[in-house]
Amino acid sequence: MPQTNARLTDLKWHKRQQTISLHFADGTEGTLPAEFLRVFSPSAEVRGHGGGEAMLVIGKEQVKIVAIEPVGRYAVKLVFDDGHDSGLYDWNTLHDFCLNKDAMWQRYNLLIKDLLADNQSD
């Protein structure tokens, strides 16, 4: 269950590795790569407008974060070199990403595999 009051204590942007490292007050920590952050963007464009179907974002293996902008005391806006900049990554979302990154990646890779298999069978 996602935390509803996560408190970020540290965020470091590792430009060369294209990752961000996060530390939270409850001891949760994680390192998230740019590709992960891009394909799981919390933007309406990716998640689906008004509860619509989420978009499967592919081909972002080389995407780079070009800017990180603070939004109040609750979120950051990530700007990517592909022009995507519409998602606000609040602390609860980032906390959830740190806790569930491996399962999310596994699910994402299965979807990609299924998509490729469907395209080859057509």
Foldseek 3Di string as FASTA:
>chain_A
DFDDDWAWDDWDQDQVQQWIWTATPVGQIAIGHPLLCVQPFPACQQPPPPNDHGDGDDDCPPKHFPDWADDPRFWIFTAIPVGDTRGTCGRRNVSVCSVCVVVVVVVSVVVVVVVVVVVVVD
